[in-house]
């Protein structure tokens, strides 16, 4: 069943947010979308905490994520994120395997 990959990034310095938003939306997400064959993706900033950026990628299933993270391309994207943002942006990932959705 469908799974969703959530990436939660925290950009504490307001001065970094416009550049992060442009980089993530213009480079990082589109590159990953094409490379890893996601079905679709969404991203945006938290309404409750403006330092938090969310990206959500739709996967065929949780095994799709397991296959992605085992690739050198994924490692390269992680390294690019780290070298671009260093300690200024932290991130964490989670994968949710859907058990239900409406409308069916």
C-alpha atoms as a PDB file:
ATOM      1  CA  UNK A   1       0.000   0.000   0.000  1.00  0.00           C
ATOM      2  CA  UNK A   2       1.022   3.610  -0.531  1.00  0.00           C
ATOM      3  CA  UNK A   3       3.577   5.098   1.844  1.00  0.00           C
ATOM      4  CA  UNK A   4       4.509   8.700   2.542  1.00  0.00           C
ATOM      5  CA  UNK A   5       8.025   9.940   3.215  1.00  0.00           C
ATOM      6  CA  UNK A   6       8.031  12.994   5.459  1.00  0.00           C
ATOM      7  CA  UNK A   7      11.109  15.184   5.724  1.00  0.00           C
ATOM      8  CA  UNK A   8      10.990  17.752   8.527  1.00  0.00           C
ATOM      9  CA  UNK A   9      13.679  20.414   8.296  1.00  0.00           C
ATOM     10  CA  UNK A  10      14.277  23.055  10.925  1.00  0.00           C
ATOM     11  CA  UNK A  11      15.711  26.353   9.695  1.00  0.00           C
ATOM     12  CA  UNK A  12      16.173  28.363  12.907  1.00  0.00           C
ATOM     13  CA  UNK A  13      17.653  31.521  11.367  1.00  0.00           C
ATOM     14  CA  UNK A  14      14.977  33.539   9.536  1.00  0.00           C
ATOM     15  CA  UNK A  15      17.700  34.925   7.245  1.00  0.00           C
ATOM     16  CA  UNK A  16      18.356  31.380   5.895  1.00  0.00           C
ATOM     17  CA  UNK A  17      14.707  30.608   5.087  1.00  0.00           C
ATOM     18  CA  UNK A  18      14.351  32.324   1.684  1.00  0.00           C
ATOM     19  CA  UNK A  19      17.546  30.695   0.370  1.00  0.00           C
ATOM     20  CA  UNK A  20      16.543  27.308   1.798  1.00  0.00           C
ATOM     21  CA  UNK A  21      13.078  27.593   0.254  1.00  0.00           C
ATOM     22  CA  UNK A  22      14.526  28.489  -3.159  1.00  0.00           C
ATOM     23  CA  UNK A  23      17.146  25.721  -3.019  1.00  0.00           C
ATOM     24  CA  UNK A  24      14.749  23.030  -1.787  1.00  0.00           C
ATOM     25  CA  UNK A  25      12.006  23.940  -4.261  1.00  0.00           C
ATOM     26  CA  UNK A  26      14.264  24.716  -7.197  1.00  0.00           C
ATOM     27  CA  UNK A  27      16.902  21.997  -6.863  1.00  0.00           C
ATOM     28  CA  UNK A  28      16.541  19.421  -4.126  1.00  0.00           C
ATOM     29  CA  UNK A  29      12.898  18.313  -4.423  1.00  0.00           C
ATOM     30  CA  UNK A  30      12.707  18.327  -8.236  1.00  0.00           C
ATOM     31  CA  UNK A  31      15.970  16.348  -8.465  1.00  0.00           C
ATOM     32  CA  UNK A  32      14.788  13.742  -5.971  1.00  0.00           C
ATOM     33  CA  UNK A  33      11.353  13.571  -7.568  1.00  0.00           C
ATOM     34  CA  UNK A  34      12.823  12.618 -10.936  1.00  0.00           C
ATOM     35  CA  UNK A  35      15.613  10.427  -9.603  1.00  0.00           C
ATOM     36  CA  UNK A  36      13.563   8.304  -7.204  1.00  0.00           C
ATOM     37  CA  UNK A  37      10.315   8.012  -9.134  1.00  0.00           C
ATOM     38  CA  UNK A  38       8.058   9.462  -6.450  1.00  0.00           C
ATOM     39  CA  UNK A  39       4.386   9.551  -7.430  1.00  0.00           C
ATOM     40  CA  UNK A  40       4.060  13.178  -6.310  1.00  0.00           C
ATOM     41  CA  UNK A  41       5.244  15.496  -3.578  1.00  0.00           C
ATOM     42  CA  UNK A  42       4.172  18.464  -1.503  1.00  0.00           C
ATOM     43  CA  UNK A  43       6.134  20.875   0.611  1.00  0.00           C
ATOM     44  CA  UNK A  44       5.529  23.923   2.723  1.00  0.00           C
ATOM     45  CA  UNK A  45       6.263  25.810   5.901  1.00  0.00           C
ATOM     46  CA  UNK A  46       4.557  25.212   9.227  1.00  0.00           C
ATOM     47  CA  UNK A  47       1.843  27.688  10.101  1.00  0.00           C
ATOM     48  CA  UNK A  48       2.512  27.151  13.820  1.00  0.00           C
ATOM     49  CA  UNK A  49       6.320  27.300  13.779  1.00  0.00           C
ATOM     50  CA  UNK A  50       7.817  29.295  10.885  1.00  0.00           C
ATOM     51  CA  UNK A  51      11.216  27.627  11.330  1.00  0.00           C
ATOM     52  CA  UNK A  52       9.815  24.221  10.276  1.00  0.00           C
ATOM     53  CA  UNK A  53       9.692  23.120   6.637  1.00  0.00           C
ATOM     54  CA  UNK A  54       7.901  19.921   5.638  1.00  0.00           C
ATOM     55  CA  UNK A  55       8.255  17.902   2.462  1.00  0.00           C
ATOM     56  CA  UNK A  56       6.033  14.908   1.789  1.00  0.00           C
ATOM     57  CA  UNK A  57       6.778  12.408  -0.978  1.00  0.00           C
ATOM     58  CA  UNK A  58       4.303   9.748  -2.086  1.00  0.00           C
ATOM     59  CA  UNK A  59       5.836   6.298  -2.567  1.00  0.00           C
ATOM     60  CA  UNK A  60       4.458   3.091  -4.022  1.00  0.00           C
ATOM     61  CA  UNK A  61       5.027   1.418  -0.641  1.00  0.00           C
ATOM     62  CA  UNK A  62       7.487   1.402   2.270  1.00  0.00           C
ATOM     63  CA  UNK A  63       9.808  -0.957   0.377  1.00  0.00           C
ATOM     64  CA  UNK A  64      10.239   1.833  -2.194  1.00  0.00           C
ATOM     65  CA  UNK A  65      11.850   3.947   0.551  1.00  0.00           C
ATOM     66  CA  UNK A  66      14.098   1.070   1.616  1.00  0.00           C
ATOM     67  CA  UNK A  67      15.293   0.717  -1.978  1.00  0.00           C
ATOM     68  CA  UNK A  68      15.920   4.462  -2.341  1.00  0.00           C
ATOM     69  CA  UNK A  69      18.056   4.849   0.791  1.00  0.00           C
ATOM     70  CA  UNK A  70      20.303   2.002  -0.343  1.00  0.00           C
ATOM     71  CA  UNK A  71      21.378   3.876  -3.495  1.00  0.00           C
ATOM     72  CA  UNK A  72      24.507   5.966  -4.017  1.00  0.00           C
ATOM     73  CA  UNK A  73      22.251   8.681  -5.481  1.00  0.00           C
ATOM     74  CA  UNK A  74      20.440   9.019  -2.160  1.00  0.00           C
ATOM     75  CA  UNK A  75      23.763   9.213  -0.324  1.00  0.00           C
ATOM     76  CA  UNK A  76      24.855  11.946  -2.749  1.00  0.00           C
ATOM     77  CA  UNK A  77      21.684  13.958  -2.111  1.00  0.00           C
ATOM     78  CA  UNK A  78      22.169  13.653   1.659  1.00  0.00           C
ATOM     79  CA  UNK A  79      25.788  14.782   1.270  1.00  0.00           C
ATOM     80  CA  UNK A  80      24.694  17.736  -0.888  1.00  0.00           C
ATOM     81  CA  UNK A  81      22.130  18.790   1.735  1.00  0.00           C
ATOM     82  CA  UNK A  82      24.745  18.527   4.480  1.00  0.00           C
ATOM     83  CA  UNK A  83      27.428  20.419   2.562  1.00  0.00           C
ATOM     84  CA  UNK A  84      24.992  23.143   1.485  1.00  0.00           C
ATOM     85  CA  UNK A  85      23.387  23.733   4.882  1.00  0.00           C
ATOM     86  CA  UNK A  86      25.915  22.294   7.339  1.00  0.00           C
ATOM     87  CA  UNK A  87      24.707  22.728  10.889  1.00  0.00           C
ATOM     88  CA  UNK A  88      22.374  25.611   9.978  1.00  0.00           C
ATOM     89  CA  UNK A  89      19.509  23.254   9.058  1.00  0.00           C
ATOM     90  CA  UNK A  90      18.625  20.009  10.793  1.00  0.00           C
ATOM     91  CA  UNK A  91      16.328  17.396   9.344  1.00  0.00           C
ATOM     92  CA  UNK A  92      14.681  14.102  10.126  1.00  0.00           C
ATOM     93  CA  UNK A  93      12.797  11.620   7.996  1.00  0.00           C
ATOM     94  CA  UNK A  94       9.873   9.339   8.695  1.00  0.00           C
ATOM     95  CA  UNK A  95       7.939   6.905   6.519  1.00  0.00           C
ATOM     96  CA  UNK A  96       4.255   6.265   7.100  1.00  0.00           C
ATOM     97  CA  UNK A  97       2.642   3.210   5.518  1.00  0.00           C
ATOM     98  CA  UNK A  98      -0.972   4.178   4.873  1.00  0.00           C
ATOM     99  CA  UNK A  99      -3.606   1.898   6.312  1.00  0.00           C
ATOM    100  CA  UNK A 100      -6.624   3.863   5.141  1.00  0.00           C
ATOM    101  CA  UNK A 101      -7.548   6.847   2.990  1.00  0.00           C
ATOM    102  CA  UNK A 102     -10.749   8.666   2.062  1.00  0.00           C
ATOM    103  CA  UNK A 103     -12.313   8.937  -0.358  1.00  0.00           C
ATOM    104  CA  UNK A 104     -11.414   5.427  -1.372  1.00  0.00           C
END
